Protein backbone atom coordinates (compact mmCIF):
# COMPACT_ATOMS: atom_id res chain seq x y z
CA UNK A 1 59.79 97.82 139.28
CA UNK A 2 62.65 98.77 141.20
CA UNK A 3 62.44 102.27 142.99
CA UNK A 4 64.66 104.93 141.42
CA UNK A 5 63.79 107.24 144.64
CA UNK A 6 67.58 109.11 145.14
CA UNK A 7 69.16 107.91 141.54
CA UNK A 8 70.64 110.24 139.80
CA UNK A 9 69.55 111.18 135.62
CA UNK A 10 72.93 109.67 134.90
CA UNK A 11 72.41 106.19 137.20
CA UNK A 12 68.33 106.08 136.59
CA UNK A 13 68.70 103.67 133.56
CA UNK A 14 71.24 101.70 135.21
CA UNK A 15 70.62 97.94 133.50
CA UNK A 16 69.74 95.18 136.08
CA UNK A 17 72.50 92.40 136.53
CA UNK A 18 70.24 89.15 136.12
CA UNK A 19 70.90 86.21 138.81
CA UNK A 20 73.11 88.18 141.06
CA UNK A 21 71.68 90.38 143.22
CA UNK A 22 73.83 93.63 144.00
CA UNK A 23 71.96 95.53 146.88
CA UNK A 24 74.53 96.98 148.16
CA UNK A 25 75.95 97.86 145.06
CA UNK A 26 73.16 99.63 144.43
CA UNK A 27 73.21 102.06 147.34
CA UNK A 28 76.38 103.35 145.16
CA UNK A 29 74.24 104.23 142.55
CA UNK A 30 72.24 106.95 144.77
CA UNK A 31 72.73 110.22 145.20
CA UNK A 32 74.07 113.31 143.16
CA UNK A 33 76.68 112.09 141.50
CA UNK A 34 77.48 109.49 138.71
CA UNK A 35 78.36 105.93 140.14
CA UNK A 36 81.11 103.64 139.08
CA UNK A 37 78.61 100.72 139.46
CA UNK A 38 76.48 101.46 136.78
CA UNK A 39 79.31 101.35 134.24
CA UNK A 40 80.38 97.94 135.77
CA UNK A 41 76.94 96.77 134.79
CA UNK A 42 76.51 98.29 131.62
CA UNK A 43 79.72 96.49 130.90
CA UNK A 44 77.97 93.23 132.19
CA UNK A 45 75.13 93.21 130.06
CA UNK A 46 77.47 93.92 126.71
CA UNK A 47 77.88 91.07 123.82
CA UNK A 48 82.18 91.42 123.78
CA UNK A 49 84.06 88.71 125.17
CA UNK A 50 84.69 89.82 128.49
CA UNK A 51 81.13 91.16 129.68
CA UNK A 52 80.93 87.70 131.07
CA UNK A 53 84.54 89.04 133.34
CA UNK A 54 82.42 92.30 133.85
CA UNK A 55 79.37 90.83 135.46
CA UNK A 56 81.76 88.10 137.59
CA UNK A 57 83.92 91.43 139.33
CA UNK A 58 80.40 93.06 139.71
CA UNK A 59 78.94 89.47 141.79
CA UNK A 60 82.50 89.57 143.70
CA UNK A 61 82.51 93.29 144.26
CA UNK A 62 78.74 92.54 146.28
CA UNK A 63 80.38 89.70 147.93
CA UNK A 64 83.10 91.49 149.37
CA UNK A 65 80.89 94.47 150.76
CA UNK A 66 78.30 91.80 152.53
CA UNK A 67 81.87 90.19 154.21
CA UNK A 68 84.21 93.21 154.31
CA UNK A 69 86.34 91.28 152.92
CA UNK A 70 88.78 91.14 149.33
CA UNK A 71 89.40 88.56 147.51
CA UNK A 72 92.23 89.35 144.80
CA UNK A 73 95.61 88.13 145.10
CA UNK A 74 98.26 88.69 143.42
CA UNK A 75 100.94 86.47 141.15
CA UNK A 76 103.00 86.56 138.19
CA UNK A 77 101.58 86.98 134.70
CA UNK A 78 103.21 88.71 131.85
CA UNK A 79 103.96 89.26 127.82
CA UNK A 80 107.39 88.23 126.22
CA UNK A 81 110.41 89.91 127.13
CA UNK A 82 108.94 91.89 129.78
CA UNK A 83 109.05 91.90 133.65
CA UNK A 84 106.55 94.40 134.18
CA UNK A 85 103.88 95.97 132.70
CA UNK A 86 101.31 94.09 133.98
CA UNK A 87 99.22 93.68 137.41
CA UNK A 88 98.13 89.98 138.09
CA UNK A 89 94.44 89.43 139.64
CA UNK A 90 93.48 85.86 140.81
CA UNK A 91 90.30 85.49 142.90
CA UNK A 92 89.96 83.91 145.69
CA UNK A 93 85.71 83.43 146.02
CA UNK A 94 84.66 79.66 146.33
CA UNK A 95 81.80 77.92 147.13
CA UNK A 96 81.36 75.47 149.92
CA UNK A 97 82.79 72.61 147.76
CA UNK A 98 85.49 74.76 146.48
CA UNK A 99 84.32 75.28 143.03
CA UNK A 100 84.89 79.30 141.96
CA UNK A 101 81.95 81.36 142.71
CA UNK A 102 81.99 83.58 139.47
CA UNK A 103 84.43 80.96 137.38
CA UNK A 104 84.24 83.91 134.71
CA UNK A 105 85.93 86.04 137.04
CA UNK A 106 88.72 84.25 138.13
CA UNK A 107 91.50 86.33 136.04
CA UNK A 108 90.88 90.58 136.40
CA UNK A 109 94.72 91.67 135.11
CA UNK A 110 95.31 95.07 134.32
CA UNK A 111 97.75 96.15 131.40
CA UNK A 112 99.34 99.51 132.10
CA UNK A 113 99.86 101.26 129.14
CA UNK A 114 102.00 103.89 128.43
CA UNK A 115 100.05 107.92 127.74
CA UNK A 116 101.71 110.10 125.23
CA UNK A 117 103.89 113.07 126.71
CA UNK A 118 101.27 115.29 128.22
CA UNK A 119 98.48 112.92 127.59
CA UNK A 120 97.23 114.31 124.11
CA UNK A 121 94.96 111.68 122.40
CA UNK A 122 92.23 112.81 119.65
CA UNK A 123 89.02 111.36 120.05
CA UNK A 124 89.71 108.70 117.13
CA UNK A 125 92.79 106.99 119.13
CA UNK A 126 90.87 106.61 122.08
CA UNK A 127 88.01 104.98 120.80
CA UNK A 128 90.88 102.77 118.71
CA UNK A 129 92.46 101.70 122.22
CA UNK A 130 88.83 100.83 123.63
CA UNK A 131 88.00 98.89 120.92
CA UNK A 132 91.13 96.80 120.67
CA UNK A 133 91.01 96.33 124.38
CA UNK A 134 87.19 94.96 123.76
CA UNK A 135 87.68 93.56 120.37
CA UNK A 136 90.39 90.59 122.14
CA UNK A 137 88.40 89.23 125.47
CA UNK A 138 89.04 92.63 127.59
CA UNK A 139 86.57 93.36 130.33
CA UNK A 140 86.33 96.84 128.37
CA UNK A 141 87.15 98.39 131.98
CA UNK A 142 89.46 101.41 131.02
CA UNK A 143 90.86 104.26 133.50
CA UNK A 144 92.75 107.28 131.69
CA UNK A 145 94.99 107.19 133.88
CA UNK A 146 96.44 105.69 137.18
CA UNK A 147 97.52 107.17 140.28
CA UNK A 148 100.42 105.92 137.87
CA UNK A 149 99.93 108.14 135.05
CA UNK A 150 99.02 105.07 132.81
CA UNK A 151 96.03 104.22 131.05
CA UNK A 152 94.62 101.07 132.97
CA UNK A 153 92.90 98.25 131.02
CA UNK A 154 90.95 96.64 133.13
CA UNK A 155 90.11 93.16 133.19
CA UNK A 156 92.00 90.80 131.11
CA UNK A 157 92.82 86.67 131.45
CA UNK A 158 96.04 85.49 131.42
CA UNK A 159 95.51 83.84 127.68
CA UNK A 160 94.45 87.45 126.44
CA UNK A 161 96.74 89.13 127.71
CA UNK A 162 99.23 88.70 125.26
CA UNK A 163 97.23 89.51 122.05
CA UNK A 164 96.18 92.66 123.59
CA UNK A 165 99.78 93.45 123.84
CA UNK A 166 100.81 92.80 120.75
CA UNK A 167 97.43 94.88 119.21
CA UNK A 168 98.02 98.06 121.12
CA UNK A 169 101.85 97.26 120.36
CA UNK A 170 101.34 97.10 116.05
CA UNK A 171 99.56 100.71 116.58
CA UNK A 172 102.91 102.52 118.76
CA UNK A 173 101.68 101.66 122.26
CA UNK A 174 103.77 100.26 124.58
CA UNK A 175 103.11 99.00 128.44
CA UNK A 176 104.30 101.54 131.51
CA UNK A 177 106.05 100.03 134.37
CA UNK A 178 105.00 97.98 137.35
CA UNK A 179 106.78 96.58 140.29
CA UNK A 180 110.51 96.98 141.43
CA UNK A 181 111.46 99.03 138.42
CA UNK A 182 111.42 102.54 137.08
CA UNK A 183 107.69 103.72 136.40
CA UNK A 184 105.77 105.34 133.32
CA UNK A 185 106.49 108.88 133.35
CA UNK A 186 104.32 111.76 133.30
CA UNK A 187 104.17 115.21 131.84
CA UNK A 188 101.79 117.77 131.91
CA UNK A 189 99.93 119.71 129.12
CA UNK A 190 102.40 122.14 128.55
CA UNK A 191 103.20 124.51 125.72
CA UNK A 192 100.52 123.16 123.42
CA UNK A 193 97.76 124.56 125.95
CA UNK A 194 99.39 126.28 129.14
CA UNK A 195 100.88 129.90 128.79
CA UNK A 196 102.70 128.84 132.29
CA UNK A 197 105.32 126.69 130.54
CA UNK A 198 108.77 127.26 130.67
CA UNK A 199 110.64 124.48 128.55
CA UNK A 200 109.39 121.67 126.42
CA UNK A 201 107.89 119.16 128.58
CA UNK A 202 107.17 116.69 126.28
CA UNK A 203 110.91 116.48 124.73
CA UNK A 204 112.20 115.91 128.23
CA UNK A 205 109.42 113.24 129.39
CA UNK A 206 110.24 111.17 125.99
CA UNK A 207 114.11 111.58 126.30
CA UNK A 208 113.79 110.14 130.02
CA UNK A 209 111.62 107.21 129.03
CA UNK A 210 113.80 106.52 126.00
CA UNK A 211 116.27 106.23 128.66
CA UNK A 212 114.90 104.42 131.27
CA UNK A 213 113.15 101.64 128.82
CA UNK A 214 115.17 98.90 129.81
CA UNK A 215 114.46 99.58 133.25
CA UNK A 216 111.17 100.03 132.60
CA UNK A 217 110.46 96.42 131.50
CA UNK A 218 112.69 94.68 133.22
CA UNK A 219 112.35 95.46 137.76
CA UNK A 220 115.67 94.67 138.21
CA UNK A 221 115.37 97.75 141.24
CA UNK A 222 115.40 97.74 145.21
CA UNK A 223 112.10 99.76 144.53
CA UNK A 224 109.87 101.65 142.47
CA UNK A 225 111.65 105.00 140.35
CA UNK A 226 109.04 107.78 139.07
CA UNK A 227 110.27 110.63 137.13
CA UNK A 228 107.57 113.09 136.25
CA UNK A 229 108.22 116.80 134.41
CA UNK A 230 106.67 120.12 134.52
CA UNK A 231 105.90 123.08 133.04
CA UNK A 232 106.19 125.55 135.91
CA UNK A 233 106.89 125.35 139.23
CA UNK A 234 102.84 125.26 139.33
CA UNK A 235 103.86 121.15 138.86
CA UNK A 236 100.44 120.05 138.17
CA UNK A 237 101.88 116.52 137.54
CA UNK A 238 102.56 116.68 141.98
CA UNK A 239 106.31 115.47 140.71
CA UNK A 240 107.51 117.23 143.61
CA UNK A 241 105.91 115.76 146.43
CA UNK A 242 104.76 112.33 144.22
CA UNK A 243 108.26 111.74 141.94
CA UNK A 244 112.12 110.39 142.70
CA UNK A 245 113.52 112.88 139.70
CA UNK A 246 111.35 115.80 139.30
CA UNK A 247 112.26 118.41 136.72
CA UNK A 248 110.41 121.63 137.08
CA UNK A 249 110.84 124.43 134.89
CA UNK A 250 111.85 127.81 136.23
CA UNK A 251 112.97 131.33 135.24
CA UNK A 252 116.41 132.78 136.75
CA UNK A 253 115.81 136.44 135.44
CA UNK A 254 113.53 138.99 136.67
CA UNK A 255 109.60 138.67 136.81
CA UNK A 256 108.61 140.49 133.68
CA UNK A 257 105.73 143.43 134.41
CA UNK A 258 103.16 145.38 132.19
CA UNK A 259 102.98 148.66 133.73
CA UNK A 260 99.89 149.43 132.02
CA UNK A 261 98.05 146.28 132.34
CA UNK A 262 99.17 146.23 135.77
CA UNK A 263 97.79 149.94 136.59
CA UNK A 264 94.69 148.97 134.57
CA UNK A 265 93.91 146.26 136.83
CA UNK A 266 94.23 148.54 139.58
CA UNK A 267 92.22 150.77 138.38
CA UNK A 268 89.70 148.50 137.87
CA UNK A 269 89.34 146.09 141.02
CA UNK A 270 90.68 148.61 143.50
CA UNK A 271 93.68 148.75 145.53
CA UNK A 272 92.22 147.04 148.62
CA UNK A 273 90.99 143.91 146.15
CA UNK A 274 94.66 144.02 144.99
CA UNK A 275 96.63 144.41 148.36
CA UNK A 276 94.31 141.51 149.93
CA UNK A 277 94.14 139.35 146.84
CA UNK A 278 97.87 139.34 145.29
CA UNK A 279 100.17 141.35 147.15
CA UNK A 280 99.14 140.05 150.84
CA UNK A 281 99.84 136.81 149.62
CA UNK A 282 103.40 136.74 148.17
CA UNK A 283 104.68 134.53 150.65
CA UNK A 284 108.10 136.39 150.98
CA UNK A 285 106.62 139.79 150.58
CA UNK A 286 107.95 140.31 147.13
CA UNK A 287 105.90 143.00 145.80
CA UNK A 288 104.93 146.50 146.64
CA UNK A 289 102.42 148.58 145.08
CA UNK A 290 103.41 152.02 144.84
CA UNK A 291 101.19 154.86 144.73
CA UNK A 292 100.85 155.90 141.25
CA UNK A 293 99.64 151.79 141.54
CA UNK A 294 102.65 151.08 139.80
CA UNK A 295 103.71 147.12 140.99
CA UNK A 296 107.56 147.05 142.44
CA UNK A 297 108.70 143.02 142.57
CA UNK A 298 112.33 142.54 144.79
CA UNK A 299 112.79 139.94 142.51
CA UNK A 300 115.80 138.03 144.59
CA UNK A 301 113.25 137.96 147.19
CA UNK A 302 110.57 135.30 144.84
CA UNK A 303 110.64 131.99 145.38
CA UNK A 304 108.73 131.24 141.93
CA UNK A 305 105.18 130.38 144.10
CA UNK A 306 103.22 131.33 140.95
CA UNK A 307 100.25 132.64 142.58
CA UNK A 308 100.20 136.49 140.84
CA UNK A 309 100.83 135.06 137.63
CA UNK A 310 98.38 132.24 138.43
CA UNK A 311 95.80 135.38 139.64
CA UNK A 312 96.55 137.84 137.41
CA UNK A 313 97.04 135.38 134.04
CA UNK A 314 93.30 134.85 132.91
CA UNK A 315 92.97 138.97 133.52
CA UNK A 316 95.46 139.62 130.50
CA UNK A 317 92.91 139.97 127.79
CA UNK A 318 90.59 142.31 129.40
CA UNK A 319 93.65 144.25 130.36
CA UNK A 320 96.06 145.28 127.68
CA UNK A 321 93.88 142.90 124.96
CA UNK A 322 94.40 139.80 123.13
CA UNK A 323 98.20 140.93 120.96
CA UNK A 324 100.04 142.81 124.78
CA UNK A 325 101.89 141.45 126.74
CA UNK A 326 100.77 139.64 129.70
CA UNK A 327 100.29 141.80 133.08
CA UNK A 328 103.05 139.04 134.90
CA UNK A 329 104.72 137.32 133.39
CA UNK A 330 108.02 135.02 134.19
CA UNK A 331 111.11 136.07 133.03
CA UNK A 332 113.28 134.94 129.38
CA UNK A 333 116.28 133.03 131.36
CA UNK A 334 114.15 129.55 131.09
CA UNK A 335 115.38 126.41 132.54
CA UNK A 336 114.66 122.98 135.08
CA UNK A 337 114.82 122.85 138.55
CA UNK A 338 115.95 119.10 139.38
CA UNK A 339 114.77 117.72 142.48
CA UNK A 340 114.91 114.03 144.12
CA UNK A 341 112.91 112.07 146.52
CA UNK A 342 109.66 112.93 146.14
CA UNK A 343 107.24 110.38 147.77
CA UNK A 344 104.28 109.33 150.01
CA UNK A 345 104.64 107.22 153.74
CA UNK A 346 106.72 104.70 153.43
CA UNK A 347 109.31 103.69 155.94
CA UNK A 348 109.70 107.29 156.87
CA UNK A 349 106.75 109.53 156.89
CA UNK A 350 105.74 112.18 152.98
CA UNK A 351 108.55 113.68 151.56
CA UNK A 352 108.93 116.16 148.72
CA UNK A 353 111.88 116.58 146.43
CA UNK A 354 115.34 118.02 147.83
CA UNK A 355 116.62 120.49 145.11
CA UNK A 356 120.07 119.25 143.70
CA UNK A 357 119.88 121.08 139.94
CA UNK A 358 118.88 124.70 141.29
CA UNK A 359 118.94 125.83 137.52
CA UNK A 360 119.53 124.11 133.76
CA UNK A 361 119.12 125.20 130.89
CA UNK A 362 117.27 122.82 128.43
CA UNK A 363 117.70 124.70 124.92
CA UNK A 364 120.42 122.22 123.02
CA UNK A 365 120.72 118.43 122.32
CA UNK A 366 123.66 118.80 124.39
CA UNK A 367 121.44 120.09 127.22
CA UNK A 368 119.14 117.53 127.46
CA UNK A 369 121.97 114.46 126.49
CA UNK A 370 122.78 116.24 130.18
CA UNK A 371 119.41 115.49 131.75
CA UNK A 372 119.26 112.47 130.31
CA UNK A 373 122.76 111.58 132.02
CA UNK A 374 121.66 113.09 135.56
CA UNK A 375 118.75 110.78 135.86
CA UNK A 376 121.05 108.00 134.53
CA UNK A 377 123.40 108.97 137.34
CA UNK A 378 120.68 108.83 140.52
CA UNK A 379 119.28 105.38 139.23
CA UNK A 380 122.08 103.40 138.88
CA UNK A 381 123.12 105.27 142.57
CA UNK A 382 119.41 104.43 143.58
CA UNK A 383 119.76 100.95 142.38
CA UNK A 384 123.38 100.23 143.86
CA UNK A 385 123.02 102.26 147.43
CA UNK A 386 119.07 101.45 148.58
CA UNK A 387 117.83 99.01 150.26
CA UNK A 388 115.27 96.53 149.77
CA UNK A 389 111.34 97.97 149.63
CA UNK A 390 113.14 101.73 150.12
CA UNK A 391 112.33 104.99 147.79
CA UNK A 392 115.32 107.43 146.83
CA UNK A 393 114.27 110.09 149.23
CA UNK A 394 114.35 107.42 152.25
CA UNK A 395 117.90 106.18 150.77
CA UNK A 396 119.12 109.96 150.79
CA UNK A 397 117.79 110.31 154.32
CA UNK A 398 119.72 107.12 155.44
CA UNK A 399 122.82 107.98 153.83
CA UNK A 400 122.86 111.75 153.83
CA UNK A 401 122.05 114.41 151.31
CA UNK A 402 125.97 115.41 151.26
CA UNK A 403 127.20 111.43 150.23
CA UNK A 404 124.56 111.38 147.46
CA UNK A 405 125.54 114.06 145.86
CA UNK A 406 128.84 112.98 145.80
CA UNK A 407 127.90 109.76 144.33
CA UNK A 408 125.75 111.05 141.62
CA UNK A 409 128.84 113.58 140.90
CA UNK A 410 126.97 117.19 142.14
CA UNK A 411 128.54 119.58 144.00
CA UNK A 412 127.18 121.08 147.38
CA UNK A 413 125.10 124.34 146.05
CA UNK A 414 123.70 127.08 149.18
CA UNK A 415 119.93 126.84 147.09
CA UNK A 416 120.06 123.14 148.47
CA UNK A 417 119.71 124.04 151.97
CA UNK A 418 116.07 123.56 153.70
CA UNK A 419 116.32 125.49 156.74
CA UNK A 420 119.38 127.12 158.73
CA UNK A 421 120.72 125.06 160.96
CA UNK A 422 119.44 124.77 164.62
CA UNK A 423 122.69 125.24 166.73
CA UNK A 424 124.33 128.64 166.36
CA UNK A 425 127.86 126.65 166.72
CA UNK A 426 129.51 126.62 163.23
CA UNK A 427 133.40 125.63 161.99
CA UNK A 428 134.32 128.74 159.69
CA UNK A 429 138.32 127.18 158.68
CA UNK A 430 137.93 127.04 154.87
CA UNK A 431 135.11 129.34 154.24
CA UNK A 432 136.88 131.43 151.82
CA UNK A 433 138.26 128.72 149.53
CA UNK A 434 134.91 127.02 149.46
CA UNK A 435 133.06 130.18 148.51
CA UNK A 436 135.22 131.28 146.61
CA UNK A 437 134.59 127.44 144.75
CA UNK A 438 130.87 128.62 144.59
CA UNK A 439 131.30 132.03 143.07
CA UNK A 440 133.48 130.71 140.45
CA UNK A 441 130.68 127.88 139.55
CA UNK A 442 128.27 130.45 139.62
CA UNK A 443 130.42 132.55 137.30
CA UNK A 444 130.31 129.94 134.68
């Protein structure tokens, strides 16, 4: 009888994988959290075609915990007309006589499938995706979503990859990016569910995906290029940190303050609470609590950190009702900020995106066309000037921001300054001329 001591309720009914001993994996099913191992074992006990593959993967994983080695290698697998979108995996786990230890899991490829903008699904749609994967030879192991933003359909043989793709494509889904290509775009849930939304995230996402579709399906870049769209400076997509081309919603006029709602909040929570949790946490000290409990905001110092909006938003209904204006809200002159060069560690350390367009309106079709054109210019410059295995941020670091801006046709703007210069020496010749040019651009 199996000892169930320490198993969670979710993992208590875990199936046993017959004729494969998994003492190490069994340990991962214990503890307070549900385990992926139980899910794998359930797939391995299924009646679908890919169940045997899942069973072999369970055995391969157990062997990896025993030997502390990985047994998967890459290769080349694709579908007709595409150069990417499939992550190939072939096993190297063999018996002493050279035969494969788990012949049903010799191949375990992953299909990267593009999700809908904002990750909006119906339950019927999700069931349909799962069924099409399982019914066409897939293992049934799916992740919503991988770090790339894709639907990760993990576990398909080379013979079934094309068949699965055909079925998915028939109902409107397409493969995402993989390898040295434009990767699958991501956008937040946006105005459909979030009151912080400042632009049409889904439309911006779709336009950028359509612009880059060929570069996504046919890898021809020095390295990966990621595009992410966030509806506000909260940046739920981590676009500033993780994407080569980030589109972040913002506003450029004064934030709106409902003084009656604010005063009701202060009267209920108390001045001490408001000072400690809202006023003092403004990174630029742009907020002042007045003697009459009113709020004054120095909007020129506001850096759009969103803290004050985030903490007051859930309280607005309590103090102003369902139909009243929010206690604090973004301004009405809305648009996006464009940043370039965010990435994780590669040749240089982690880097956040650099502002290249402080503010851009996204209202008319011409605005969206300008966004797509800028993204294409950025990609083309990256393709021509980056070194192999170099991200956009590293390229900009190597050649200099001024050269990059000149290459993509953007003017230098004071808002791009990350920090003051450390040397006190500065040349001022031509200062008046350049200042006049910038003021002219700002006025326009």
